[in-house]
Amino acid sequence: MMEFGDERAHLVLMAVRPAHRRRGVARRLLDWLLESATTAGIESLHLELRAGNQAARRFYRALGFGETILVPRYYGGTESALRMVRVLRPPLPADVHWQPPAHWR
């Protein structure tokens, strides 16, 4: 499940049944989500994962995500989350204003 904002998207949940892991299912799902976000003009995709989940960290790094911050006790108790982000396009300049095409003026 992914939530879309104006400039950024947040991957809330992605899971693959244990019997179907290591078959490229998660990769294909994430590729589709990244394509959807890019088509929607999203600037960046953000997610959190359990900091101790080394397999997930390797998976997301291999797909171009970078680690941003460790969030203590994110999952309750003592378990922390690692936030990761993948930039899909550079941010738009703040001073860009829409103008109609020349043939409309």
N, C-alpha and C. Protein backbone atom coordinates (compact mmCIF):
# COMPACT_ATOMS: atom_id res chain seq x y z
N MET A 1 0.84 -1.16 0.00
CA MET A 1 0.00 0.00 0.00
C MET A 1 0.89 1.24 0.00
N MET A 2 0.53 2.20 -0.84
CA MET A 2 1.31 3.42 -0.93
C MET A 2 0.37 4.61 -0.87
N GLU A 3 0.78 5.62 -0.13
CA GLU A 3 0.02 6.87 -0.04
C GLU A 3 0.72 7.92 -0.90
N PHE A 4 -0.05 8.65 -1.68
CA PHE A 4 0.49 9.68 -2.55
C PHE A 4 0.15 11.06 -2.01
N GLY A 5 1.14 11.94 -1.99
CA GLY A 5 0.93 13.34 -1.70
C GLY A 5 1.17 14.12 -2.98
N ASP A 6 1.34 15.43 -2.86
CA ASP A 6 1.60 16.25 -4.04
C ASP A 6 3.01 16.02 -4.59
N GLU A 7 3.98 15.94 -3.71
CA GLU A 7 5.38 15.82 -4.13
C GLU A 7 6.04 14.52 -3.71
N ARG A 8 5.47 13.85 -2.72
CA ARG A 8 6.12 12.63 -2.23
C ARG A 8 5.11 11.54 -1.98
N ALA A 9 5.59 10.32 -2.06
CA ALA A 9 4.77 9.15 -1.78
C ALA A 9 5.40 8.40 -0.62
N HIS A 10 4.58 7.65 0.10
CA HIS A 10 5.03 6.91 1.27
C HIS A 10 4.59 5.46 1.12
N LEU A 11 5.55 4.57 1.06
CA LEU A 11 5.26 3.14 1.01
C LEU A 11 4.92 2.71 2.43
N VAL A 12 3.66 2.41 2.67
CA VAL A 12 3.18 2.11 4.01
C VAL A 12 3.36 0.63 4.32
N LEU A 13 3.05 -0.23 3.36
CA LEU A 13 3.10 -1.66 3.61
C LEU A 13 3.37 -2.41 2.32
N MET A 14 4.33 -3.32 2.39
CA MET A 14 4.57 -4.24 1.29
C MET A 14 5.00 -5.55 1.92
N ALA A 15 4.29 -6.60 1.60
CA ALA A 15 4.62 -7.91 2.16
C ALA A 15 4.44 -8.98 1.10
N VAL A 16 5.26 -10.00 1.20
CA VAL A 16 5.18 -11.15 0.31
C VAL A 16 5.10 -12.39 1.18
N ARG A 17 4.17 -13.26 0.87
CA ARG A 17 4.05 -14.50 1.63
C ARG A 17 5.39 -15.24 1.65
N PRO A 18 5.73 -15.83 2.79
CA PRO A 18 7.02 -16.53 2.88
C PRO A 18 7.23 -17.57 1.76
N ALA A 19 6.20 -18.27 1.38
CA ALA A 19 6.34 -19.29 0.33
C ALA A 19 6.67 -18.69 -1.04
N HIS A 20 6.43 -17.40 -1.22
CA HIS A 20 6.65 -16.75 -2.51
C HIS A 20 7.86 -15.82 -2.53
N ARG A 21 8.59 -15.78 -1.42
CA ARG A 21 9.76 -14.91 -1.35
C ARG A 21 10.90 -15.47 -2.19
N ARG A 22 11.81 -14.57 -2.55
CA ARG A 22 13.01 -14.90 -3.33
C ARG A 22 12.65 -15.32 -4.76
N ARG A 23 11.50 -14.83 -5.25
CA ARG A 23 11.06 -15.12 -6.62
C ARG A 23 10.87 -13.84 -7.44
N GLY A 24 11.26 -12.71 -6.89
CA GLY A 24 11.14 -11.46 -7.62
C GLY A 24 9.81 -10.76 -7.48
N VAL A 25 8.94 -11.27 -6.60
CA VAL A 25 7.61 -10.68 -6.43
C VAL A 25 7.73 -9.25 -5.88
N ALA A 26 8.48 -9.07 -4.82
CA ALA A 26 8.62 -7.74 -4.21
C ALA A 26 9.28 -6.77 -5.18
N ARG A 27 10.23 -7.24 -5.93
CA ARG A 27 10.91 -6.38 -6.92
C ARG A 27 9.91 -5.89 -7.97
N ARG A 28 9.08 -6.80 -8.47
CA ARG A 28 8.09 -6.41 -9.48
C ARG A 28 7.05 -5.46 -8.89
N LEU A 29 6.62 -5.72 -7.65
CA LEU A 29 5.67 -4.81 -7.00
C LEU A 29 6.27 -3.42 -6.85
N LEU A 30 7.49 -3.36 -6.36
CA LEU A 30 8.11 -2.06 -6.15
C LEU A 30 8.39 -1.36 -7.46
N ASP A 31 8.79 -2.09 -8.49
CA ASP A 31 8.99 -1.48 -9.81
C ASP A 31 7.69 -0.84 -10.29
N TRP A 32 6.57 -1.52 -10.10
CA TRP A 32 5.27 -0.99 -10.51
C TRP A 32 4.91 0.26 -9.70
N LEU A 33 5.17 0.22 -8.38
CA LEU A 33 4.89 1.38 -7.53
C LEU A 33 5.76 2.57 -7.92
N LEU A 34 7.03 2.31 -8.21
CA LEU A 34 7.93 3.39 -8.63
C LEU A 34 7.48 3.99 -9.97
N GLU A 35 7.06 3.13 -10.88
CA GLU A 35 6.56 3.62 -12.17
C GLU A 35 5.30 4.46 -11.99
N SER A 36 4.41 4.01 -11.11
CA SER A 36 3.18 4.76 -10.83
C SER A 36 3.51 6.13 -10.23
N ALA A 37 4.45 6.15 -9.29
CA ALA A 37 4.83 7.41 -8.65
C ALA A 37 5.50 8.35 -9.65
N THR A 38 6.35 7.82 -10.50
CA THR A 38 7.01 8.64 -11.51
C THR A 38 5.99 9.22 -12.48
N THR A 39 5.05 8.40 -12.92
CA THR A 39 4.00 8.86 -13.83
C THR A 39 3.17 9.96 -13.18
N ALA A 40 2.95 9.86 -11.88
CA ALA A 40 2.17 10.86 -11.15
C ALA A 40 2.97 12.13 -10.87
N GLY A 41 4.25 12.15 -11.24
CA GLY A 41 5.07 13.34 -11.02
C GLY A 41 5.63 13.46 -9.62
N ILE A 42 5.63 12.37 -8.89
CA ILE A 42 6.11 12.37 -7.50
C ILE A 42 7.63 12.60 -7.48
N GLU A 43 8.06 13.41 -6.54
CA GLU A 43 9.48 13.75 -6.40
C GLU A 43 10.28 12.65 -5.70
N SER A 44 9.70 12.05 -4.64
CA SER A 44 10.45 11.07 -3.86
C SER A 44 9.51 10.05 -3.22
N LEU A 45 10.06 8.87 -2.99
CA LEU A 45 9.33 7.78 -2.34
C LEU A 45 10.02 7.48 -1.01
N HIS A 46 9.24 7.47 0.07
CA HIS A 46 9.76 7.28 1.43
C HIS A 46 9.19 6.00 2.02
N LEU A 47 9.94 5.40 2.95
CA LEU A 47 9.46 4.21 3.64
C LEU A 47 10.20 4.05 4.95
N GLU A 48 9.65 3.22 5.82
CA GLU A 48 10.31 2.83 7.06
C GLU A 48 10.38 1.31 7.09
N LEU A 49 11.45 0.81 7.68
CA LEU A 49 11.58 -0.64 7.88
C LEU A 49 12.25 -0.88 9.22
N ARG A 50 12.07 -2.08 9.72
CA ARG A 50 12.70 -2.42 11.00
C ARG A 50 14.22 -2.32 10.83
N ALA A 51 14.85 -1.56 11.70
CA ALA A 51 16.28 -1.29 11.58
C ALA A 51 17.12 -2.55 11.55
N GLY A 52 16.67 -3.59 12.20
CA GLY A 52 17.43 -4.84 12.23
C GLY A 52 17.18 -5.76 11.05
N ASN A 53 16.32 -5.38 10.14
CA ASN A 53 15.99 -6.23 8.99
C ASN A 53 17.01 -6.00 7.88
N GLN A 54 18.12 -6.73 7.97
CA GLN A 54 19.22 -6.55 7.01
C GLN A 54 18.83 -6.92 5.59
N ALA A 55 18.00 -7.94 5.43
CA ALA A 55 17.58 -8.35 4.09
C ALA A 55 16.78 -7.23 3.42
N ALA A 56 15.89 -6.59 4.16
CA ALA A 56 15.11 -5.48 3.60
C ALA A 56 16.01 -4.29 3.28
N ARG A 57 16.96 -4.02 4.14
CA ARG A 57 17.89 -2.91 3.88
C ARG A 57 18.65 -3.15 2.59
N ARG A 58 19.15 -4.36 2.39
CA ARG A 58 19.88 -4.69 1.16
C ARG A 58 18.97 -4.57 -0.06
N PHE A 59 17.74 -5.07 0.08
CA PHE A 59 16.76 -5.03 -1.01
C PHE A 59 16.51 -3.59 -1.45
N TYR A 60 16.19 -2.71 -0.51
CA TYR A 60 15.89 -1.32 -0.87
C TYR A 60 17.12 -0.57 -1.36
N ARG A 61 18.28 -0.83 -0.79
CA ARG A 61 19.52 -0.21 -1.28
C ARG A 61 19.77 -0.60 -2.73
N ALA A 62 19.56 -1.88 -3.05
CA ALA A 62 19.77 -2.36 -4.42
C ALA A 62 18.83 -1.69 -5.41
N LEU A 63 17.71 -1.16 -4.93
CA LEU A 63 16.75 -0.49 -5.79
C LEU A 63 16.88 1.04 -5.74
N GLY A 64 18.00 1.51 -5.21
CA GLY A 64 18.29 2.93 -5.27
C GLY A 64 17.84 3.76 -4.08
N PHE A 65 17.40 3.13 -3.01
CA PHE A 65 16.99 3.86 -1.81
C PHE A 65 18.21 4.16 -0.95
N GLY A 66 18.18 5.30 -0.29
CA GLY A 66 19.23 5.67 0.64
C GLY A 66 18.66 5.79 2.04
N GLU A 67 19.49 5.49 3.02
CA GLU A 67 19.08 5.59 4.42
C GLU A 67 19.13 7.04 4.86
N THR A 68 18.10 7.47 5.61
CA THR A 68 18.06 8.87 6.02
C THR A 68 18.20 9.06 7.52
N ILE A 69 17.43 8.33 8.32
CA ILE A 69 17.44 8.56 9.76
C ILE A 69 16.96 7.31 10.49
N LEU A 70 17.46 7.12 11.69
CA LEU A 70 17.03 6.05 12.57
C LEU A 70 16.01 6.63 13.55
N VAL A 71 14.85 6.00 13.65
CA VAL A 71 13.79 6.50 14.53
C VAL A 71 13.66 5.54 15.72
N PRO A 72 14.14 5.92 16.89
CA PRO A 72 14.07 5.03 18.07
C PRO A 72 12.63 4.70 18.46
N ARG A 73 12.44 3.49 18.91
CA ARG A 73 11.16 3.00 19.45
C ARG A 73 9.97 3.22 18.50
N TYR A 74 10.20 3.23 17.21
CA TYR A 74 9.15 3.46 16.21
C TYR A 74 8.08 2.37 16.29
N TYR A 75 8.50 1.15 16.50
CA TYR A 75 7.57 0.02 16.55
C TYR A 75 7.15 -0.33 17.97
N GLY A 76 7.39 0.54 18.90
CA GLY A 76 7.04 0.27 20.29
C GLY A 76 8.18 -0.47 20.98
N GLY A 77 8.23 -0.37 22.28
CA GLY A 77 9.31 -1.04 23.01
C GLY A 77 10.66 -0.48 22.62
N THR A 78 11.57 -1.36 22.25
CA THR A 78 12.93 -0.94 21.94
C THR A 78 13.25 -1.04 20.45
N GLU A 79 12.28 -1.42 19.63
CA GLU A 79 12.57 -1.63 18.21
C GLU A 79 12.51 -0.32 17.42
N SER A 80 13.60 -0.02 16.73
CA SER A 80 13.72 1.21 15.96
C SER A 80 13.38 0.96 14.50
N ALA A 81 13.09 2.05 13.81
CA ALA A 81 12.85 2.00 12.37
C ALA A 81 13.96 2.76 11.65
N LEU A 82 14.23 2.35 10.45
CA LEU A 82 15.15 3.06 9.58
C LEU A 82 14.32 3.68 8.46
N ARG A 83 14.44 4.98 8.28
CA ARG A 83 13.74 5.64 7.18
C ARG A 83 14.65 5.64 5.97
N MET A 84 14.05 5.37 4.82
CA MET A 84 14.79 5.37 3.56
C MET A 84 14.01 6.19 2.54
N VAL A 85 14.72 6.68 1.54
CA VAL A 85 14.11 7.50 0.51
C VAL A 85 14.76 7.20 -0.84
N ARG A 86 13.95 7.31 -1.87
CA ARG A 86 14.48 7.26 -3.24
C ARG A 86 13.95 8.49 -3.97
N VAL A 87 14.86 9.28 -4.50
CA VAL A 87 14.50 10.47 -5.26
C VAL A 87 14.16 10.03 -6.67
N LEU A 88 12.98 10.44 -7.15
CA LEU A 88 12.52 10.05 -8.48
C LEU A 88 12.75 11.15 -9.52
N ARG A 89 12.78 12.39 -9.07
CA ARG A 89 13.05 13.53 -9.94
C ARG A 89 13.55 14.67 -9.08
N PRO A 90 14.31 15.58 -9.68
CA PRO A 90 14.76 16.73 -8.88
C PRO A 90 13.57 17.61 -8.51
N PRO A 91 13.65 18.32 -7.39
CA PRO A 91 12.55 19.22 -7.02
C PRO A 91 12.41 20.34 -8.04
N LEU A 92 11.19 20.79 -8.19
CA LEU A 92 10.93 21.92 -9.09
C LEU A 92 11.41 23.21 -8.45
N PRO A 93 11.93 24.14 -9.25
CA PRO A 93 12.33 25.43 -8.69
C PRO A 93 11.12 26.13 -8.07
N ALA A 94 11.35 26.82 -6.98
CA ALA A 94 10.26 27.48 -6.25
C ALA A 94 9.64 28.62 -7.05
N ASP A 95 10.40 29.23 -7.96
CA ASP A 95 9.89 30.40 -8.67
C ASP A 95 9.24 30.08 -10.02
N VAL A 96 9.01 28.82 -10.31
CA VAL A 96 8.38 28.44 -11.58
C VAL A 96 6.88 28.68 -11.48
N HIS A 97 6.35 29.44 -12.41
CA HIS A 97 4.92 29.72 -12.45
C HIS A 97 4.38 29.23 -13.78
N TRP A 98 3.24 28.62 -13.74
CA TRP A 98 2.63 28.12 -14.96
C TRP A 98 2.17 29.27 -15.83
N GLN A 99 2.42 29.15 -17.12
CA GLN A 99 1.92 30.10 -18.09
C GLN A 99 1.27 29.31 -19.21
N PRO A 100 0.23 29.86 -19.78
CA PRO A 100 -0.39 29.15 -20.89
C PRO A 100 0.55 29.11 -22.09
N PRO A 101 0.40 28.10 -22.95
CA PRO A 101 1.23 28.06 -24.16
C PRO A 101 1.05 29.34 -24.98
N ALA A 102 2.06 29.68 -25.76
CA ALA A 102 2.05 30.91 -26.54
C ALA A 102 0.84 31.02 -27.45
N HIS A 103 0.39 29.91 -28.02
CA HIS A 103 -0.74 29.98 -28.95
C HIS A 103 -2.07 30.26 -28.24
N TRP A 104 -2.10 30.23 -26.93
CA TRP A 104 -3.31 30.54 -26.17
C TRP A 104 -3.41 32.03 -25.86
N ARG A 105 -2.27 32.70 -25.89
CA ARG A 105 -2.23 34.11 -25.47
C ARG A 105 -2.69 35.03 -26.57
